[in-house]
Amino acid sequence: MEASSVLFYIFLFFIVVVIFSSFVTVKQGTIVVITVFGKYRRILTPGLNFKIPLIENIYSKISIQNRSVELEFQAVTFDQANVYFKAMLLYSVLNQEEETIKNVAFKFVDERNLMQALIRTVEGSIRAFVATKRQSEVLILRRDIVEHVKEQLDNILESWGYHLQDLQLNDITFDDVIMKSMSQVVASNNLKAAAENEGQALLITKTKAAEAEGNAIKISAEAERQAAQLRGQGIALFREEVAKGMTVAAKEMQEANMDTSVIMFTMWTESIKHFSENSKGNVIFLDGSSDAMQRTMKEMMALNHLHTDAVKK
């Protein structure tokens, strides 16, 4: 009885193990490949799945989520300059179709061989592209390099069951000597641009200053012309009023039988007084002799007679 009981429990345990091994739980984002005696049979999708115990085996578990890998490699440009790249590669399984999963599962021996092939393929594509460009062009061709790699790798990766999602060139550097020379070129170009801008600014400043000075001269000349015109008009009006006053005074003195030379004498003395009070100089040269006074008075009287005759006519 005891031996039969042991066998019964062993058989029961075996049945339980077989039953539990018949159920397979597949995580989200994972596909399980099933083989029968080493030959591909089918795939299991996420969730609870059933497999034939002892016959169907799990060959591999394939993640269909995005995966990334960092790359560091060197390339040589057309003009023999060393370029150092740091890149991030983002890739994933192309889709969940059965043929795609079979390619992913059986194209490579293991994950390490896949990564090696993928990295070397990307590096080779970038090196081939950079070899046709000069070092001065590489920095501005970042997007072109990425597009070239994607174009070259799409068909190859699809045959492996993968898809290149993105390629980020995070850092592109050159040898120290080249980097220093490039910095010097940039600095010299900046200095040249600054000098040109400064020259343009100076030219504009001087041009505007010249225009302003010219406008100021024009305004000043116009103001001076108007002032001179007004001064001339004022002097003419003053002379006219003086002549009118002298004419009236001379006429009244003639009617009173007085000598009109008194007016001349008064103007003579008033002129001397005005010279002494308003002159800004230190010395006034004036002939104050009686002969000079008589000569001046005769001239003024002659002018007065001429003006009187002109008024009468």
Protein backbone atom coordinates (compact mmCIF):
# COMPACT_ATOMS: atom_id res chain seq x y z
CA MET A 1 0.00 0.00 0.00
CA GLU A 2 2.76 2.39 0.83
CA ALA A 3 4.58 1.89 -2.50
CA SER A 4 1.38 2.34 -4.48
CA SER A 5 0.59 5.50 -2.51
CA VAL A 6 4.00 6.98 -3.33
CA LEU A 7 3.53 6.24 -6.99
CA PHE A 8 0.12 7.79 -6.90
CA TYR A 9 1.44 10.98 -5.39
CA ILE A 10 4.30 11.10 -7.88
CA PHE A 11 1.86 10.66 -10.74
CA LEU A 12 -0.42 13.31 -9.29
CA PHE A 13 2.48 15.72 -8.91
CA PHE A 14 3.52 15.03 -12.51
CA ILE A 15 -0.02 15.71 -13.73
CA VAL A 16 -0.14 19.00 -11.81
CA VAL A 17 3.24 20.08 -13.21
CA VAL A 18 2.13 19.22 -16.76
CA ILE A 19 -1.11 21.11 -16.34
CA PHE A 20 0.60 24.25 -14.98
CA SER A 21 3.31 24.10 -17.67
CA SER A 22 0.57 24.09 -20.31
CA PHE A 23 -0.32 27.71 -19.51
CA VAL A 24 1.98 30.53 -20.52
CA THR A 25 1.58 34.16 -19.50
CA VAL A 26 3.02 36.62 -22.03
CA LYS A 27 3.72 40.19 -20.84
CA GLN A 28 2.50 43.24 -22.70
CA GLY A 29 4.99 44.38 -25.36
CA THR A 30 6.38 40.85 -25.78
CA ILE A 31 5.89 38.11 -28.36
CA VAL A 32 6.79 34.47 -27.58
CA VAL A 33 8.06 32.15 -30.32
CA ILE A 34 7.01 28.48 -29.97
CA THR A 35 8.88 25.56 -31.59
CA VAL A 36 8.16 21.85 -31.79
CA PHE A 37 11.25 19.68 -31.67
CA GLY A 38 13.32 22.70 -32.80
CA LYS A 39 11.04 23.69 -35.69
CA TYR A 40 9.04 26.92 -35.71
CA ARG A 41 5.38 26.29 -34.83
CA ARG A 42 3.62 29.53 -33.88
CA ILE A 43 3.73 32.74 -31.82
CA LEU A 44 2.02 33.66 -28.57
CA THR A 45 0.64 37.16 -28.09
CA PRO A 46 0.35 39.05 -24.74
CA GLY A 47 -2.00 37.47 -22.24
CA LEU A 48 -2.71 33.91 -21.03
CA ASN A 49 -1.85 31.28 -23.65
CA PHE A 50 -1.96 27.46 -23.82
CA LYS A 51 0.80 25.25 -25.22
CA ILE A 52 1.09 21.51 -25.58
CA PRO A 53 3.20 20.32 -22.68
CA LEU A 54 6.42 18.42 -23.36
CA ILE A 55 6.02 19.01 -27.10
CA GLU A 56 5.85 22.76 -27.66
CA ASN A 57 8.77 24.72 -26.26
CA ILE A 58 9.40 28.46 -25.83
CA TYR A 59 12.22 29.32 -28.22
CA SER A 60 12.55 33.02 -27.47
CA LYS A 61 10.78 36.05 -26.06
CA ILE A 62 10.93 39.05 -28.37
CA SER A 63 10.28 42.57 -27.13
CA ILE A 64 8.34 44.74 -29.59
CA GLN A 65 9.05 47.91 -27.60
CA ASN A 66 11.45 50.62 -28.75
CA ARG A 67 15.09 50.01 -27.96
CA SER A 68 18.03 52.41 -28.01
CA VAL A 69 21.79 52.10 -28.23
CA GLU A 70 24.57 54.69 -28.05
CA LEU A 71 27.31 54.77 -30.66
CA GLU A 72 30.77 56.32 -30.71
CA PHE A 73 32.87 56.06 -33.85
CA GLN A 74 35.23 57.92 -36.17
CA ALA A 75 34.97 58.89 -39.85
CA VAL A 76 37.31 60.61 -42.33
CA THR A 77 36.20 63.44 -44.62
CA PHE A 78 37.12 63.98 -48.25
CA ASP A 79 39.91 66.38 -47.22
CA GLN A 80 41.35 63.85 -44.73
CA ALA A 81 39.95 65.36 -41.53
CA ASN A 82 39.02 63.04 -38.66
CA VAL A 83 35.42 63.41 -37.48
CA TYR A 84 34.23 61.91 -34.19
CA PHE A 85 30.56 61.04 -33.79
CA LYS A 86 28.43 60.35 -30.74
CA ALA A 87 25.01 59.07 -31.76
CA MET A 88 21.88 57.53 -30.30
CA LEU A 89 20.11 54.85 -32.34
CA LEU A 90 16.42 54.15 -31.72
CA TYR A 91 14.93 51.04 -33.31
CA SER A 92 12.15 48.52 -32.84
CA VAL A 93 10.56 45.40 -34.31
CA LEU A 94 8.87 46.33 -37.59
CA ASN A 95 5.44 44.92 -36.66
CA GLN A 96 3.76 41.94 -34.96
CA GLU A 97 3.14 39.92 -38.10
CA GLU A 98 4.23 36.29 -38.05
CA GLU A 99 6.79 36.60 -40.85
CA THR A 100 8.39 39.60 -39.16
CA ILE A 101 8.62 37.77 -35.83
CA LYS A 102 10.18 34.77 -37.56
CA ASN A 103 12.87 37.02 -39.10
CA VAL A 104 13.62 38.58 -35.73
CA ALA A 105 13.82 35.20 -34.04
CA PHE A 106 15.91 33.28 -36.57
CA LYS A 107 18.02 35.79 -38.55
CA PHE A 108 20.72 36.08 -35.87
CA VAL A 109 22.16 33.62 -33.41
CA ASP A 110 21.59 35.95 -30.50
CA GLU A 111 21.01 39.60 -29.50
CA ARG A 112 24.73 40.38 -29.36
CA ASN A 113 25.23 39.46 -33.02
CA LEU A 114 22.22 41.57 -34.00
CA MET A 115 23.59 44.62 -32.19
CA GLN A 116 27.02 44.18 -33.72
CA ALA A 117 25.56 43.99 -37.24
CA LEU A 118 23.25 46.94 -36.62
CA ILE A 119 25.98 49.19 -35.22
CA ARG A 120 28.51 48.34 -37.93
CA THR A 121 25.91 48.94 -40.63
CA VAL A 122 25.06 52.41 -39.27
CA GLU A 123 28.73 53.34 -38.86
CA GLY A 124 29.56 52.16 -42.38
CA SER A 125 26.71 54.18 -43.90
CA ILE A 126 27.79 57.36 -42.10
CA ARG A 127 31.45 56.86 -42.97
CA ALA A 128 30.60 56.37 -46.65
CA PHE A 129 28.59 59.61 -46.66
CA VAL A 130 31.18 61.67 -44.75
CA ALA A 131 33.96 60.46 -47.05
CA THR A 132 32.37 62.45 -49.90
CA LYS A 133 32.16 65.72 -47.91
CA ARG A 134 34.71 68.28 -46.73
CA GLN A 135 35.18 68.93 -43.04
CA SER A 136 33.66 72.43 -43.33
CA GLU A 137 30.43 70.86 -44.65
CA VAL A 138 29.94 68.13 -42.08
CA LEU A 139 28.58 70.31 -39.26
CA ILE A 140 25.79 71.74 -41.41
CA LEU A 141 24.84 68.35 -42.90
CA ARG A 142 23.57 66.74 -39.70
CA ARG A 143 20.05 66.26 -41.06
CA ASP A 144 21.34 65.06 -44.42
CA ILE A 145 23.48 62.42 -42.70
CA VAL A 146 20.48 61.10 -40.74
CA GLU A 147 18.30 60.96 -43.85
CA HIS A 148 21.06 59.19 -45.79
CA VAL A 149 21.44 56.54 -43.08
CA LYS A 150 17.70 55.93 -42.89
CA GLU A 151 17.46 55.60 -46.66
CA GLN A 152 20.34 53.14 -46.77
CA LEU A 153 19.24 51.01 -43.80
CA ASP A 154 15.48 50.77 -44.20
CA ASN A 155 15.53 47.83 -46.62
CA ILE A 156 18.29 46.01 -44.74
CA LEU A 157 16.61 46.36 -41.33
CA GLU A 158 13.23 45.34 -42.71
CA SER A 159 14.77 42.10 -43.97
CA TRP A 160 15.88 41.51 -40.39
CA GLY A 161 12.44 42.35 -39.04
CA TYR A 162 13.42 45.73 -37.56
CA HIS A 163 12.73 49.39 -38.28
CA LEU A 164 15.01 52.37 -37.63
CA GLN A 165 12.88 54.83 -35.67
CA ASP A 166 15.41 57.62 -35.27
CA LEU A 167 19.09 58.46 -35.37
CA GLN A 168 20.33 61.37 -33.26
CA LEU A 169 23.82 62.75 -33.89
CA ASN A 170 24.38 64.21 -30.44
CA ASP A 171 27.97 65.34 -30.92
CA ILE A 172 30.22 65.95 -33.92
CA THR A 173 33.82 66.94 -33.18
CA PHE A 174 37.17 67.13 -34.94
CA ASP A 175 40.81 66.94 -33.88
CA ASP A 176 41.96 69.69 -31.53
CA VAL A 177 44.01 71.40 -34.24
CA ILE A 178 41.03 71.53 -36.60
CA MET A 179 38.69 72.73 -33.85
CA LYS A 180 41.13 75.51 -32.96
CA SER A 181 41.50 76.59 -36.59
CA MET A 182 37.72 76.55 -37.04
CA SER A 183 37.36 78.73 -33.96
CA GLN A 184 39.92 81.16 -35.37
CA VAL A 185 38.05 81.30 -38.69
CA VAL A 186 34.78 82.00 -36.88
CA ALA A 187 36.46 84.66 -34.73
CA SER A 188 38.04 86.36 -37.75
CA ASN A 189 34.73 86.31 -39.60
CA ASN A 190 33.03 87.85 -36.58
CA LEU A 191 35.70 90.56 -36.39
CA LYS A 192 35.32 91.23 -40.11
CA ALA A 193 31.55 91.49 -39.78
CA ALA A 194 31.94 93.75 -36.73
CA ALA A 195 34.38 96.01 -38.63
CA GLU A 196 32.01 96.20 -41.59
CA ASN A 197 29.10 97.02 -39.31
CA GLU A 198 31.15 99.63 -37.49
CA GLY A 199 32.20 101.19 -40.81
CA GLN A 200 28.61 101.28 -41.99
CA ALA A 201 27.51 102.82 -38.70
CA LEU A 202 30.29 105.45 -38.89
CA LEU A 203 29.38 106.25 -42.50
CA ILE A 204 25.72 106.64 -41.59
CA THR A 205 26.63 108.80 -38.58
CA LYS A 206 28.86 111.10 -40.63
CA THR A 207 26.32 111.28 -43.44
CA LYS A 208 23.56 112.23 -41.02
CA ALA A 209 25.86 114.75 -39.31
CA ALA A 210 26.73 116.31 -42.67
CA GLU A 211 23.07 116.45 -43.62
CA ALA A 212 22.22 118.04 -40.28
CA GLU A 213 25.04 120.57 -40.63
CA GLY A 214 23.93 121.41 -44.16
CA ASN A 215 20.35 121.87 -43.01
CA ALA A 216 21.55 124.02 -40.12
CA ILE A 217 23.58 126.19 -42.51
CA LYS A 218 20.58 126.54 -44.80
CA ILE A 219 18.33 127.47 -41.89
CA SER A 220 20.91 129.89 -40.52
CA ALA A 221 21.44 131.50 -43.95
CA GLU A 222 17.69 131.84 -44.46
CA ALA A 223 17.30 133.36 -41.00
CA GLU A 224 20.20 135.75 -41.66
CA ARG A 225 18.69 136.75 -44.99
CA GLN A 226 15.33 137.45 -43.38
CA ALA A 227 17.01 139.34 -40.53
CA ALA A 228 19.02 141.46 -42.98
CA GLN A 229 15.89 142.13 -44.96
CA LEU A 230 14.06 143.22 -41.83
CA ARG A 231 17.02 145.36 -40.73
CA GLY A 232 17.09 147.03 -44.13
CA GLN A 233 13.38 147.66 -43.98
CA GLY A 234 13.76 149.09 -40.48
CA ILE A 235 16.59 151.40 -41.54
CA ALA A 236 14.61 152.55 -44.57
CA LEU A 237 11.56 153.28 -42.40
CA PHE A 238 13.78 155.09 -39.88
CA ARG A 239 15.32 157.26 -42.58
CA GLU A 240 11.92 157.93 -44.03
CA GLU A 241 10.57 159.05 -40.66
CA VAL A 242 13.67 161.18 -40.00
CA ALA A 243 13.29 162.84 -43.38
CA LYS A 244 9.62 163.49 -42.73
CA GLY A 245 10.40 164.95 -39.30
CA MET A 246 13.15 167.18 -40.70
CA THR A 247 10.88 168.37 -43.48
CA VAL A 248 8.12 169.29 -41.06
CA ALA A 249 10.58 171.00 -38.70
CA ALA A 250 12.24 172.93 -41.52
CA LYS A 251 8.86 174.03 -42.88
CA GLU A 252 7.73 175.29 -39.46
CA MET A 253 11.01 177.16 -38.95
CA GLN A 254 10.74 178.78 -42.37
CA GLU A 255 7.19 179.88 -41.58
CA ALA A 256 8.54 181.37 -38.32
CA ASN A 257 11.44 183.07 -40.20
CA MET A 258 14.01 181.01 -38.28
CA ASP A 259 17.31 179.72 -39.61
CA THR A 260 17.01 176.04 -40.48
CA SER A 261 20.71 175.54 -39.76
CA VAL A 262 19.72 175.19 -36.11
CA ILE A 263 18.28 171.78 -36.98
CA MET A 264 21.56 170.74 -38.53
CA PHE A 265 23.46 171.97 -35.50
CA THR A 266 21.20 170.02 -33.18
CA MET A 267 21.62 166.83 -35.27
CA TRP A 268 25.37 167.34 -35.23
CA THR A 269 25.51 167.59 -31.46
CA GLU A 270 23.10 164.68 -31.02
CA SER A 271 25.30 162.54 -33.28
CA ILE A 272 28.40 163.35 -31.22
CA LYS A 273 26.49 162.49 -28.04
CA HIS A 274 25.28 159.19 -29.54
CA PHE A 275 28.83 158.26 -30.56
CA SER A 276 30.17 158.85 -27.10
CA GLU A 277 27.39 156.97 -25.32
CA ASN A 278 26.97 153.90 -27.54
CA SER A 279 30.33 153.31 -29.15
CA LYS A 280 31.99 150.03 -28.12
CA GLY A 281 35.48 151.09 -29.08
CA ASN A 282 38.02 152.84 -26.90
CA VAL A 283 38.78 155.72 -29.32
CA ILE A 284 36.46 157.71 -31.61
CA PHE A 285 38.09 159.65 -34.42
CA LEU A 286 35.81 162.65 -35.07
CA ASP A 287 36.68 165.99 -36.57
CA GLY A 288 35.01 168.35 -34.10
CA SER A 289 36.40 171.60 -35.52
CA SER A 290 34.10 174.44 -36.53
CA ASP A 291 35.12 174.02 -40.15
CA ALA A 292 34.14 170.38 -40.12
CA MET A 293 30.85 171.22 -38.46
CA GLN A 294 30.10 173.96 -41.03
CA ARG A 295 31.03 171.66 -43.90
CA THR A 296 28.83 168.87 -42.53
CA MET A 297 25.94 171.25 -41.95
CA LYS A 298 26.21 172.59 -45.49
CA GLU A 299 26.10 169.08 -46.87
CA MET A 300 23.09 168.16 -44.75
CA MET A 301 21.33 171.41 -45.75
CA ALA A 302 22.00 170.64 -49.37
CA LEU A 303 20.47 167.22 -48.92
CA ASN A 304 17.54 168.82 -47.17
CA HIS A 305 16.96 171.24 -50.07
CA LEU A 306 17.09 168.39 -52.53
CA HIS A 307 14.55 166.42 -50.50
CA THR A 308 12.30 169.52 -50.18
CA ASP A 309 12.43 170.17 -53.92
CA ALA A 310 11.62 166.52 -54.59
CA VAL A 311 8.62 166.69 -52.25
CA LYS A 312 7.32 169.87 -53.94
CA LYS A 313 7.55 168.36 -57.37
